[in-house]
N, C-alpha and C. Protein backbone atom coordinates (compact mmCIF):
# COMPACT_ATOMS: atom_id res chain seq x y z
N UNK A 1 0.85 -1.19 0.00
CA UNK A 1 0.00 0.00 0.00
C UNK A 1 0.88 1.24 0.00
N UNK A 2 0.52 2.23 -0.82
CA UNK A 2 1.32 3.46 -0.89
C UNK A 2 1.19 4.26 0.41
N UNK A 3 2.32 4.65 1.00
CA UNK A 3 2.24 5.46 2.23
C UNK A 3 1.54 6.80 1.98
N UNK A 4 0.93 7.31 3.00
CA UNK A 4 0.34 8.65 2.96
C UNK A 4 1.10 9.51 3.96
N UNK A 5 1.82 10.50 3.46
CA UNK A 5 2.57 11.39 4.34
C UNK A 5 2.02 12.81 4.22
N UNK A 6 2.39 13.49 3.12
CA UNK A 6 1.86 14.83 2.85
C UNK A 6 1.30 14.84 1.44
N UNK A 7 0.11 15.35 1.29
CA UNK A 7 -0.55 15.43 -0.01
C UNK A 7 -0.91 16.87 -0.31
N UNK A 8 -0.42 17.38 -1.43
CA UNK A 8 -0.82 18.70 -1.91
C UNK A 8 -1.51 18.52 -3.24
N UNK A 9 -2.76 18.92 -3.31
CA UNK A 9 -3.51 18.71 -4.54
C UNK A 9 -4.78 19.53 -4.59
N UNK A 10 -5.42 19.49 -5.75
CA UNK A 10 -6.68 20.20 -5.95
C UNK A 10 -7.77 19.51 -5.15
N UNK A 11 -8.58 20.31 -4.47
CA UNK A 11 -9.71 19.79 -3.69
C UNK A 11 -11.01 20.11 -4.42
N UNK A 12 -11.82 19.08 -4.63
CA UNK A 12 -13.11 19.26 -5.32
C UNK A 12 -14.23 19.32 -4.29
N UNK A 13 -15.12 20.32 -4.42
CA UNK A 13 -16.25 20.42 -3.49
C UNK A 13 -17.44 19.57 -3.94
N UNK A 14 -17.88 18.66 -3.10
CA UNK A 14 -19.06 17.85 -3.40
C UNK A 14 -20.07 18.13 -2.28
N UNK A 15 -20.86 19.16 -2.47
CA UNK A 15 -21.78 19.62 -1.41
C UNK A 15 -23.07 18.82 -1.42
N UNK A 16 -22.94 17.53 -1.15
CA UNK A 16 -24.09 16.63 -1.10
C UNK A 16 -23.98 15.84 0.20
N UNK A 17 -25.07 15.78 0.94
CA UNK A 17 -25.10 14.97 2.16
C UNK A 17 -25.52 13.55 1.83
N UNK A 18 -25.13 12.61 2.69
CA UNK A 18 -25.54 11.21 2.57
C UNK A 18 -25.16 10.58 1.23
N UNK A 19 -23.95 10.85 0.77
CA UNK A 19 -23.46 10.20 -0.44
C UNK A 19 -23.21 8.74 -0.11
N UNK A 20 -24.01 7.84 -0.70
CA UNK A 20 -23.86 6.43 -0.36
C UNK A 20 -22.91 5.73 -1.34
N UNK A 21 -22.58 4.48 -1.02
CA UNK A 21 -21.59 3.77 -1.82
C UNK A 21 -22.12 3.45 -3.22
N UNK A 22 -23.44 3.38 -3.39
CA UNK A 22 -23.99 3.17 -4.74
C UNK A 22 -23.82 4.42 -5.60
N UNK A 23 -23.84 5.58 -4.99
CA UNK A 23 -23.55 6.81 -5.73
C UNK A 23 -22.06 6.88 -6.08
N UNK A 24 -21.22 6.42 -5.15
CA UNK A 24 -19.77 6.45 -5.39
C UNK A 24 -19.40 5.51 -6.54
N UNK A 25 -19.88 4.29 -6.49
CA UNK A 25 -19.63 3.32 -7.56
C UNK A 25 -20.89 2.47 -7.76
N UNK A 26 -21.68 2.76 -8.81
CA UNK A 26 -22.95 2.05 -9.02
C UNK A 26 -22.76 0.54 -9.18
N UNK A 27 -23.84 -0.18 -8.90
CA UNK A 27 -23.80 -1.64 -8.82
C UNK A 27 -23.30 -2.33 -10.09
N UNK A 28 -23.52 -1.74 -11.26
CA UNK A 28 -23.11 -2.39 -12.51
C UNK A 28 -21.59 -2.51 -12.65
N UNK A 29 -20.86 -1.79 -11.79
CA UNK A 29 -19.39 -1.85 -11.85
C UNK A 29 -18.81 -2.85 -10.85
N UNK A 30 -19.67 -3.60 -10.17
CA UNK A 30 -19.20 -4.47 -9.10
C UNK A 30 -18.89 -5.89 -9.56
N UNK A 31 -18.87 -6.11 -10.87
CA UNK A 31 -18.64 -7.46 -11.38
C UNK A 31 -17.17 -7.88 -11.28
N UNK A 32 -16.29 -6.94 -11.08
CA UNK A 32 -14.87 -7.24 -11.00
C UNK A 32 -14.39 -7.28 -9.55
N UNK A 33 -13.34 -8.05 -9.32
CA UNK A 33 -12.70 -8.05 -8.01
C UNK A 33 -11.33 -7.37 -8.10
N UNK A 34 -11.04 -6.78 -9.27
CA UNK A 34 -9.79 -6.04 -9.43
C UNK A 34 -9.96 -4.64 -8.88
N UNK A 35 -8.87 -4.08 -8.37
CA UNK A 35 -8.93 -2.74 -7.79
C UNK A 35 -8.68 -1.65 -8.82
N UNK A 36 -8.30 -2.05 -10.01
CA UNK A 36 -7.98 -1.06 -11.06
C UNK A 36 -9.13 -0.96 -12.06
N UNK A 37 -9.22 0.19 -12.71
CA UNK A 37 -10.23 0.40 -13.74
C UNK A 37 -11.55 0.93 -13.23
N UNK A 38 -11.71 1.01 -11.91
CA UNK A 38 -13.00 1.44 -11.35
C UNK A 38 -13.15 2.95 -11.33
N UNK A 39 -12.06 3.68 -11.55
CA UNK A 39 -12.14 5.14 -11.56
C UNK A 39 -13.09 5.66 -12.62
N UNK A 40 -13.21 4.92 -13.72
CA UNK A 40 -14.11 5.33 -14.80
C UNK A 40 -15.57 5.30 -14.37
N UNK A 41 -15.88 4.47 -13.36
CA UNK A 41 -17.26 4.37 -12.89
C UNK A 41 -17.55 5.23 -11.68
N UNK A 42 -16.54 5.95 -11.19
CA UNK A 42 -16.74 6.79 -10.00
C UNK A 42 -17.83 7.84 -10.24
N UNK A 43 -18.84 7.83 -9.39
CA UNK A 43 -19.96 8.78 -9.48
C UNK A 43 -20.61 8.76 -10.87
N UNK A 44 -20.64 7.59 -11.50
CA UNK A 44 -21.09 7.49 -12.89
C UNK A 44 -22.49 8.05 -13.11
N UNK A 45 -23.40 7.83 -12.17
CA UNK A 45 -24.78 8.28 -12.39
C UNK A 45 -24.93 9.79 -12.26
N UNK A 46 -23.98 10.45 -11.62
CA UNK A 46 -23.98 11.91 -11.58
C UNK A 46 -23.07 12.48 -12.67
N UNK A 47 -22.05 11.72 -13.04
CA UNK A 47 -21.06 12.19 -13.99
C UNK A 47 -21.56 12.12 -15.44
N UNK A 48 -22.45 11.14 -15.71
CA UNK A 48 -22.90 10.91 -17.07
C UNK A 48 -24.39 11.17 -17.23
N UNK A 49 -24.76 11.67 -18.41
CA UNK A 49 -26.17 11.81 -18.76
C UNK A 49 -26.71 10.47 -19.22
N UNK A 50 -28.01 10.39 -19.46
CA UNK A 50 -28.63 9.13 -19.89
C UNK A 50 -28.08 8.64 -21.22
N UNK A 51 -27.64 9.56 -22.08
CA UNK A 51 -27.10 9.15 -23.38
C UNK A 51 -25.62 8.78 -23.31
N UNK A 52 -25.05 8.81 -22.11
CA UNK A 52 -23.65 8.42 -21.93
C UNK A 52 -22.66 9.56 -22.05
N UNK A 53 -23.15 10.74 -22.40
CA UNK A 53 -22.25 11.89 -22.51
C UNK A 53 -22.01 12.49 -21.12
N UNK A 54 -20.96 13.27 -21.00
CA UNK A 54 -20.62 13.87 -19.71
C UNK A 54 -21.62 14.94 -19.30
N UNK A 55 -21.90 14.97 -18.01
CA UNK A 55 -22.72 16.02 -17.43
C UNK A 55 -21.79 17.17 -17.05
N UNK A 56 -21.84 18.29 -17.77
CA UNK A 56 -20.89 19.38 -17.51
C UNK A 56 -21.09 20.04 -16.15
N UNK A 57 -22.23 19.81 -15.52
CA UNK A 57 -22.50 20.42 -14.22
C UNK A 57 -21.87 19.66 -13.06
N UNK A 58 -21.47 18.40 -13.30
CA UNK A 58 -20.88 17.61 -12.21
C UNK A 58 -19.45 18.07 -11.96
N UNK A 59 -19.12 18.24 -10.70
CA UNK A 59 -17.87 18.89 -10.33
C UNK A 59 -16.63 18.22 -10.91
N UNK A 60 -16.58 16.89 -10.91
CA UNK A 60 -15.37 16.22 -11.39
C UNK A 60 -15.24 16.22 -12.91
N UNK A 61 -16.28 16.70 -13.61
CA UNK A 61 -16.20 16.88 -15.06
C UNK A 61 -15.70 18.26 -15.43
N UNK A 62 -15.65 19.15 -14.46
CA UNK A 62 -15.20 20.52 -14.74
C UNK A 62 -13.68 20.54 -14.84
N UNK A 63 -13.13 21.28 -15.81
CA UNK A 63 -11.68 21.24 -16.08
C UNK A 63 -10.80 21.41 -14.85
N UNK A 64 -11.18 22.28 -13.94
CA UNK A 64 -10.33 22.54 -12.77
C UNK A 64 -10.24 21.35 -11.82
N UNK A 65 -11.23 20.46 -11.89
CA UNK A 65 -11.30 19.38 -10.89
C UNK A 65 -11.09 17.98 -11.48
N UNK A 66 -10.76 17.88 -12.73
CA UNK A 66 -10.62 16.57 -13.37
C UNK A 66 -9.50 15.73 -12.75
N UNK A 67 -8.53 16.39 -12.16
CA UNK A 67 -7.42 15.66 -11.53
C UNK A 67 -7.37 15.92 -10.02
N UNK A 68 -8.54 16.14 -9.44
CA UNK A 68 -8.60 16.38 -8.00
C UNK A 68 -8.09 15.16 -7.24
N UNK A 69 -7.36 15.43 -6.16
CA UNK A 69 -6.85 14.36 -5.30
C UNK A 69 -7.49 14.38 -3.91
N UNK A 70 -8.25 15.45 -3.66
CA UNK A 70 -8.92 15.62 -2.37
C UNK A 70 -10.39 15.90 -2.63
N UNK A 71 -11.26 15.29 -1.85
CA UNK A 71 -12.70 15.52 -1.99
C UNK A 71 -13.21 16.11 -0.68
N UNK A 72 -13.86 17.27 -0.78
CA UNK A 72 -14.51 17.90 0.38
C UNK A 72 -16.00 17.63 0.21
N UNK A 73 -16.58 16.87 1.14
CA UNK A 73 -17.93 16.36 0.93
C UNK A 73 -18.84 16.62 2.12
N UNK A 74 -20.15 16.48 1.86
CA UNK A 74 -21.17 16.69 2.88
C UNK A 74 -21.20 15.59 3.92
N UNK A 75 -22.04 15.77 4.93
CA UNK A 75 -22.13 14.88 6.08
C UNK A 75 -22.52 13.46 5.69
N UNK A 76 -22.05 12.48 6.49
CA UNK A 76 -22.42 11.07 6.35
C UNK A 76 -21.97 10.49 5.02
N UNK A 77 -20.73 10.73 4.67
CA UNK A 77 -20.19 10.25 3.40
C UNK A 77 -19.91 8.75 3.49
N UNK A 78 -20.25 8.01 2.42
CA UNK A 78 -19.96 6.58 2.35
C UNK A 78 -20.98 5.69 3.03
N UNK A 79 -22.19 6.20 3.24
CA UNK A 79 -23.24 5.39 3.86
C UNK A 79 -23.75 4.35 2.85
N UNK A 80 -24.68 3.52 3.28
CA UNK A 80 -25.23 2.51 2.37
C UNK A 80 -24.51 1.18 2.53
N UNK A 81 -24.42 0.42 1.44
CA UNK A 81 -23.85 -0.91 1.49
C UNK A 81 -22.35 -0.86 1.77
N UNK A 82 -21.79 -2.00 2.13
CA UNK A 82 -20.41 -2.05 2.62
C UNK A 82 -19.37 -2.25 1.52
N UNK A 83 -19.75 -2.10 0.26
CA UNK A 83 -18.86 -2.44 -0.85
C UNK A 83 -17.49 -1.76 -0.77
N UNK A 84 -16.44 -2.59 -0.81
CA UNK A 84 -15.08 -2.07 -0.78
C UNK A 84 -14.70 -1.44 -2.12
N UNK A 85 -15.52 -1.70 -3.15
CA UNK A 85 -15.27 -1.07 -4.45
C UNK A 85 -15.32 0.45 -4.36
N UNK A 86 -16.01 0.99 -3.35
CA UNK A 86 -16.13 2.45 -3.23
C UNK A 86 -14.76 3.11 -3.02
N UNK A 87 -13.99 2.71 -2.00
CA UNK A 87 -12.65 3.30 -1.89
C UNK A 87 -11.74 2.91 -3.04
N UNK A 88 -11.93 1.72 -3.62
CA UNK A 88 -11.12 1.34 -4.79
C UNK A 88 -11.35 2.32 -5.93
N UNK A 89 -12.61 2.69 -6.16
CA UNK A 89 -12.93 3.61 -7.26
C UNK A 89 -12.36 5.00 -7.00
N UNK A 90 -12.47 5.48 -5.77
CA UNK A 90 -11.90 6.78 -5.42
C UNK A 90 -10.39 6.79 -5.65
N UNK A 91 -9.73 5.75 -5.18
CA UNK A 91 -8.28 5.65 -5.31
C UNK A 91 -7.86 5.54 -6.77
N UNK A 92 -8.59 4.76 -7.55
CA UNK A 92 -8.25 4.58 -8.97
C UNK A 92 -8.43 5.88 -9.74
N UNK A 93 -9.39 6.70 -9.33
CA UNK A 93 -9.58 8.02 -9.95
C UNK A 93 -8.44 8.95 -9.59
N UNK A 94 -7.88 8.79 -8.39
CA UNK A 94 -6.80 9.65 -7.92
C UNK A 94 -7.08 10.35 -6.61
N UNK A 95 -8.24 10.06 -6.00
CA UNK A 95 -8.60 10.67 -4.71
C UNK A 95 -7.87 9.94 -3.59
N UNK A 96 -7.04 10.66 -2.83
CA UNK A 96 -6.31 10.05 -1.71
C UNK A 96 -6.83 10.52 -0.36
N UNK A 97 -7.70 11.53 -0.36
CA UNK A 97 -8.19 12.09 0.90
C UNK A 97 -9.63 12.57 0.73
N UNK A 98 -10.49 12.22 1.68
CA UNK A 98 -11.88 12.70 1.70
C UNK A 98 -12.10 13.40 3.04
N UNK A 99 -12.66 14.60 2.98
CA UNK A 99 -12.89 15.40 4.18
C UNK A 99 -14.40 15.63 4.34
N UNK A 100 -14.92 15.33 5.52
CA UNK A 100 -16.35 15.50 5.78
C UNK A 100 -16.55 15.69 7.28
N UNK A 101 -17.80 15.93 7.66
CA UNK A 101 -18.10 16.02 9.09
C UNK A 101 -18.34 14.65 9.71
N UNK A 102 -18.70 13.66 8.89
CA UNK A 102 -18.86 12.30 9.39
C UNK A 102 -18.85 11.31 8.24
N UNK A 103 -18.51 10.05 8.57
CA UNK A 103 -18.44 8.97 7.59
C UNK A 103 -19.19 7.75 8.13
N UNK A 104 -19.70 6.94 7.22
CA UNK A 104 -20.24 5.64 7.63
C UNK A 104 -19.08 4.77 8.09
N UNK A 105 -19.29 3.98 9.14
CA UNK A 105 -18.20 3.25 9.78
C UNK A 105 -17.46 2.30 8.85
N UNK A 106 -18.19 1.50 8.07
CA UNK A 106 -17.52 0.51 7.22
C UNK A 106 -16.71 1.20 6.13
N UNK A 107 -17.28 2.20 5.51
CA UNK A 107 -16.53 2.94 4.49
C UNK A 107 -15.29 3.57 5.10
N UNK A 108 -15.44 4.15 6.26
CA UNK A 108 -14.32 4.80 6.96
C UNK A 108 -13.18 3.80 7.19
N UNK A 109 -13.50 2.62 7.68
CA UNK A 109 -12.49 1.59 7.91
C UNK A 109 -11.86 1.12 6.61
N UNK A 110 -12.68 0.96 5.57
CA UNK A 110 -12.16 0.50 4.28
C UNK A 110 -11.18 1.51 3.67
N UNK A 111 -11.40 2.78 3.92
CA UNK A 111 -10.48 3.80 3.40
C UNK A 111 -9.07 3.57 3.93
N UNK A 112 -8.94 3.38 5.23
CA UNK A 112 -7.63 3.17 5.82
C UNK A 112 -6.95 1.92 5.27
N UNK A 113 -7.72 0.89 5.00
CA UNK A 113 -7.16 -0.36 4.49
C UNK A 113 -6.70 -0.24 3.05
N UNK A 114 -7.07 0.86 2.39
CA UNK A 114 -6.72 1.04 0.98
C UNK A 114 -5.89 2.28 0.71
N UNK A 115 -5.37 2.90 1.76
CA UNK A 115 -4.46 4.03 1.57
C UNK A 115 -5.11 5.38 1.37
N UNK A 116 -6.40 5.48 1.70
CA UNK A 116 -7.11 6.76 1.60
C UNK A 116 -7.27 7.32 3.02
N UNK A 117 -7.03 8.61 3.16
CA UNK A 117 -7.19 9.26 4.47
C UNK A 117 -8.54 9.93 4.56
N UNK A 118 -9.47 9.41 5.40
CA UNK A 118 -10.74 10.10 5.64
C UNK A 118 -10.58 11.01 6.86
N UNK A 119 -10.86 12.27 6.69
CA UNK A 119 -10.67 13.24 7.77
C UNK A 119 -12.03 13.78 8.22
N UNK A 120 -12.26 13.73 9.52
CA UNK A 120 -13.49 14.28 10.09
C UNK A 120 -13.19 15.64 10.71
N UNK A 121 -13.97 16.65 10.31
CA UNK A 121 -13.79 18.01 10.83
C UNK A 121 -15.14 18.55 11.29
N UNK A 122 -15.12 19.68 11.97
CA UNK A 122 -16.36 20.33 12.41
C UNK A 122 -17.06 20.95 11.20
N UNK A 123 -18.34 21.27 11.37
CA UNK A 123 -19.08 21.91 10.28
C UNK A 123 -18.47 23.27 9.94
N UNK A 124 -18.02 23.98 10.96
CA UNK A 124 -17.38 25.29 10.72
C UNK A 124 -16.13 25.15 9.87
N UNK A 125 -15.30 24.17 10.19
CA UNK A 125 -14.09 23.96 9.39
C UNK A 125 -14.42 23.45 8.00
N UNK A 126 -15.45 22.60 7.90
CA UNK A 126 -15.85 22.10 6.58
C UNK A 126 -16.31 23.25 5.69
N UNK A 127 -17.06 24.19 6.25
CA UNK A 127 -17.51 25.35 5.47
C UNK A 127 -16.32 26.15 4.94
N UNK A 128 -15.28 26.29 5.75
CA UNK A 128 -14.07 27.00 5.30
C UNK A 128 -13.41 26.24 4.15
N UNK A 129 -13.35 24.92 4.29
CA UNK A 129 -12.71 24.11 3.26
C UNK A 129 -13.53 24.08 1.98
N UNK A 130 -14.87 24.13 2.11
CA UNK A 130 -15.71 24.27 0.91
C UNK A 130 -15.40 25.58 0.18
N UNK A 131 -15.23 26.66 0.94
CA UNK A 131 -14.87 27.95 0.33
C UNK A 131 -13.55 27.85 -0.42
N UNK A 132 -12.57 27.17 0.19
CA UNK A 132 -11.28 26.98 -0.48
C UNK A 132 -11.44 26.14 -1.74
N UNK A 133 -12.23 25.07 -1.63
CA UNK A 133 -12.37 24.14 -2.75
C UNK A 133 -13.12 24.75 -3.94
N UNK A 134 -13.92 25.77 -3.69
CA UNK A 134 -14.69 26.38 -4.77
C UNK A 134 -13.85 27.33 -5.63
N UNK A 135 -12.58 27.42 -5.35
CA UNK A 135 -11.72 28.34 -6.11
C UNK A 135 -11.24 27.75 -7.43
N UNK A 136 -11.72 26.60 -7.78
CA UNK A 136 -11.35 26.00 -9.06
C UNK A 136 -9.89 25.61 -9.10
N UNK A 137 -9.17 26.09 -10.11
CA UNK A 137 -7.76 25.72 -10.28
C UNK A 137 -6.91 26.18 -9.10
N UNK A 138 -7.40 27.15 -8.34
CA UNK A 138 -6.66 27.63 -7.17
C UNK A 138 -7.07 26.92 -5.88
N UNK A 139 -7.86 25.86 -6.03
CA UNK A 139 -8.39 25.14 -4.86
C UNK A 139 -7.39 24.08 -4.38
N UNK A 140 -6.20 24.52 -4.07
CA UNK A 140 -5.16 23.58 -3.63
C UNK A 140 -5.07 23.54 -2.11
N UNK A 141 -5.17 22.34 -1.57
CA UNK A 141 -5.00 22.12 -0.14
C UNK A 141 -3.77 21.24 0.09
N UNK A 142 -3.16 21.39 1.24
CA UNK A 142 -2.08 20.50 1.66
C UNK A 142 -2.52 19.76 2.91
N UNK A 143 -2.51 18.44 2.83
CA UNK A 143 -2.88 17.60 3.96
C UNK A 143 -1.60 16.97 4.50
N UNK A 144 -1.24 17.33 5.71
CA UNK A 144 -0.03 16.84 6.36
C UNK A 144 -0.45 15.88 7.47
N UNK A 145 -0.27 14.58 7.22
CA UNK A 145 -0.73 13.59 8.18
C UNK A 145 0.12 13.60 9.45
N UNK A 146 1.42 13.77 9.31
CA UNK A 146 2.31 13.74 10.48
C UNK A 146 1.92 14.81 11.50
N UNK A 147 1.64 16.03 11.01
CA UNK A 147 1.28 17.13 11.91
C UNK A 147 -0.22 17.24 12.10
N UNK A 148 -0.99 16.41 11.37
CA UNK A 148 -2.45 16.40 11.44
C UNK A 148 -3.04 17.78 11.15
N UNK A 149 -2.64 18.32 10.00
CA UNK A 149 -3.07 19.64 9.58
C UNK A 149 -3.52 19.63 8.13
N UNK A 150 -4.53 20.47 7.85
CA UNK A 150 -4.92 20.80 6.48
C UNK A 150 -4.61 22.28 6.29
N UNK A 151 -3.78 22.59 5.31
CA UNK A 151 -3.40 23.97 5.06
C UNK A 151 -4.06 24.47 3.79
N UNK A 152 -4.72 25.62 3.88
CA UNK A 152 -5.43 26.19 2.75
C UNK A 152 -4.55 27.09 1.91
N UNK A 153 -5.08 27.53 0.76
CA UNK A 153 -4.29 28.37 -0.16
C UNK A 153 -3.92 29.73 0.42
N UNK A 154 -4.66 30.21 1.42
CA UNK A 154 -4.36 31.51 2.03
C UNK A 154 -3.58 31.38 3.34
N UNK A 155 -3.11 30.18 3.63
CA UNK A 155 -2.34 29.98 4.85
C UNK A 155 -3.14 29.55 6.06
N UNK A 156 -4.46 29.44 5.91
CA UNK A 156 -5.28 28.97 7.02
C UNK A 156 -4.99 27.51 7.34
N UNK A 157 -5.15 27.15 8.60
CA UNK A 157 -4.84 25.79 9.04
C UNK A 157 -6.03 25.18 9.78
N UNK A 158 -6.38 23.96 9.41
CA UNK A 158 -7.40 23.19 10.11
C UNK A 158 -6.72 21.97 10.70
N UNK A 159 -6.83 21.79 12.02
CA UNK A 159 -6.26 20.62 12.69
C UNK A 159 -7.30 19.49 12.69
N UNK A 160 -6.82 18.26 12.66
CA UNK A 160 -7.75 17.14 12.72
C UNK A 160 -7.18 16.04 13.61
N UNK A 161 -8.09 15.22 14.14
CA UNK A 161 -7.71 14.10 15.00
C UNK A 161 -7.71 12.80 14.18
N UNK A 162 -6.87 11.87 14.60
CA UNK A 162 -6.85 10.56 13.96
C UNK A 162 -6.33 9.55 14.97
N UNK A 163 -6.83 8.35 14.91
CA UNK A 163 -6.38 7.27 15.77
C UNK A 163 -4.88 7.02 15.53
N UNK A 164 -4.06 6.96 16.58
CA UNK A 164 -2.61 6.81 16.41
C UNK A 164 -2.20 5.56 15.62
N UNK A 165 -2.90 4.45 15.83
CA UNK A 165 -2.56 3.22 15.11
C UNK A 165 -2.84 3.37 13.62
N UNK A 166 -3.98 3.95 13.28
CA UNK A 166 -4.31 4.15 11.87
C UNK A 166 -3.33 5.14 11.22
N UNK A 167 -2.95 6.14 11.98
CA UNK A 167 -1.95 7.10 11.49
C UNK A 167 -0.64 6.38 11.16
N UNK A 168 -0.20 5.54 12.08
CA UNK A 168 1.03 4.77 11.88
C UNK A 168 0.94 3.93 10.60
N UNK A 169 -0.19 3.26 10.42
CA UNK A 169 -0.36 2.39 9.25
C UNK A 169 -0.31 3.19 7.95
N UNK A 170 -0.99 4.32 7.90
CA UNK A 170 -0.98 5.13 6.69
C UNK A 170 0.40 5.72 6.41
N UNK A 171 1.03 6.26 7.43
CA UNK A 171 2.36 6.85 7.24
C UNK A 171 3.37 5.84 6.69
N UNK A 172 3.18 4.57 7.07
CA UNK A 172 4.13 3.53 6.68
C UNK A 172 3.61 2.62 5.57
N UNK A 173 2.42 2.94 5.04
CA UNK A 173 1.88 2.14 3.94
C UNK A 173 1.57 0.71 4.33
N UNK A 174 1.02 0.52 5.52
CA UNK A 174 0.76 -0.82 6.03
C UNK A 174 -0.72 -1.17 5.96
N UNK A 175 -1.06 -2.12 5.09
CA UNK A 175 -2.41 -2.69 5.13
C UNK A 175 -2.35 -3.92 6.04
N UNK A 176 -3.39 -4.76 6.06
CA UNK A 176 -3.41 -5.91 6.97
C UNK A 176 -2.26 -6.87 6.68
N UNK A 177 -1.96 -7.06 5.40
CA UNK A 177 -0.86 -7.96 5.04
C UNK A 177 0.48 -7.36 5.46
N UNK A 178 0.63 -6.05 5.23
CA UNK A 178 1.85 -5.37 5.63
C UNK A 178 2.09 -5.45 7.13
N UNK A 179 1.01 -5.32 7.91
CA UNK A 179 1.14 -5.43 9.37
C UNK A 179 1.61 -6.81 9.77
N UNK A 180 1.09 -7.84 9.09
CA UNK A 180 1.51 -9.21 9.38
C UNK A 180 2.98 -9.40 9.03
N UNK A 181 3.40 -8.84 7.88
CA UNK A 181 4.78 -9.02 7.44
C UNK A 181 5.78 -8.31 8.34
N UNK A 182 5.32 -7.32 9.11
CA UNK A 182 6.20 -6.70 10.10
C UNK A 182 6.66 -7.72 11.14
N UNK A 183 5.88 -8.77 11.31
CA UNK A 183 6.20 -9.81 12.29
C UNK A 183 6.87 -11.02 11.62
N UNK A 184 7.38 -10.85 10.41
CA UNK A 184 7.92 -11.97 9.64
C UNK A 184 9.02 -12.70 10.38
N UNK A 185 9.93 -11.97 11.02
CA UNK A 185 11.04 -12.61 11.74
C UNK A 185 10.52 -13.48 12.88
N UNK A 186 9.56 -12.95 13.63
CA UNK A 186 8.99 -13.72 14.74
C UNK A 186 8.23 -14.94 14.24
N UNK A 187 7.54 -14.79 13.12
CA UNK A 187 6.80 -15.91 12.53
C UNK A 187 7.77 -17.00 12.08
N UNK A 188 8.87 -16.60 11.43
CA UNK A 188 9.88 -17.57 10.99
C UNK A 188 10.49 -18.32 12.16
N UNK A 189 10.80 -17.59 13.24
CA UNK A 189 11.37 -18.22 14.44
C UNK A 189 10.40 -19.23 15.03
N UNK A 190 9.13 -18.86 15.10
CA UNK A 190 8.11 -19.76 15.63
C UNK A 190 8.01 -21.02 14.78
N UNK A 191 7.98 -20.85 13.45
CA UNK A 191 7.84 -22.00 12.55
C UNK A 191 9.03 -22.96 12.69
N UNK A 192 10.24 -22.40 12.79
CA UNK A 192 11.43 -23.25 12.93
C UNK A 192 11.41 -24.00 14.25
N UNK A 193 11.01 -23.31 15.33
CA UNK A 193 10.95 -23.94 16.64
C UNK A 193 9.89 -25.04 16.65
N UNK A 194 8.75 -24.75 16.03
CA UNK A 194 7.65 -25.72 15.98
C UNK A 194 8.06 -26.95 15.18
N UNK A 195 8.75 -26.73 14.05
CA UNK A 195 9.18 -27.85 13.23
C UNK A 195 10.21 -28.72 13.95
N UNK A 196 11.11 -28.06 14.70
CA UNK A 196 12.13 -28.80 15.42
C UNK A 196 11.54 -29.62 16.57
N UNK A 197 10.58 -29.04 17.28
CA UNK A 197 10.00 -29.72 18.44
C UNK A 197 8.90 -30.72 18.07
N UNK A 198 8.22 -30.47 16.94
CA UNK A 198 7.13 -31.37 16.51
C UNK A 198 7.24 -31.61 15.01
N UNK A 199 8.25 -32.33 14.59
CA UNK A 199 8.50 -32.55 13.15
C UNK A 199 7.40 -33.31 12.43
N UNK A 200 6.53 -33.98 13.18
CA UNK A 200 5.45 -34.75 12.54
C UNK A 200 4.29 -33.87 12.06
N UNK A 201 4.30 -32.61 12.49
CA UNK A 201 3.20 -31.72 12.08
C UNK A 201 3.43 -31.16 10.69
């Protein structure tokens, strides 16, 4: 998993509450178990018109936000079904950080397991970040995980809290497999001792 340390990128404003996982990645894209290629289906029902053409009013279709790496979103982001394809689609599009006032628990946990940083802030701070994100090409935010800060284009700073263990995992690019491999030496020692003492197993 790619470590998350400091991210500086364009922030796209998605002023919609209760964005569920079906909105993030509609059900027709769930036929694959691969983590790649899902970016094309991200927010497909909002991004595309019925004839398949782009909806110019959708934020990620606007030129300034086509390569956004940060999403500033309304309350209760990631609600609905537990599909892990939702963070996969965000990551494949290029989104590494989502900022909101609250997240659905399963989506929130899945983000950390896939290298995405979900940040919870107050409504007051979210409103400030929405103002920053609405600046189009100038909507650049810097997210510093080590110092737990979001820095705006005018020098404003928003502090955020994060669980220390999850912070450690993101900073070091550790998913569940990576965490296990940190114990590789101890596992090898155990296996050798077990084989020596009980060779019939």
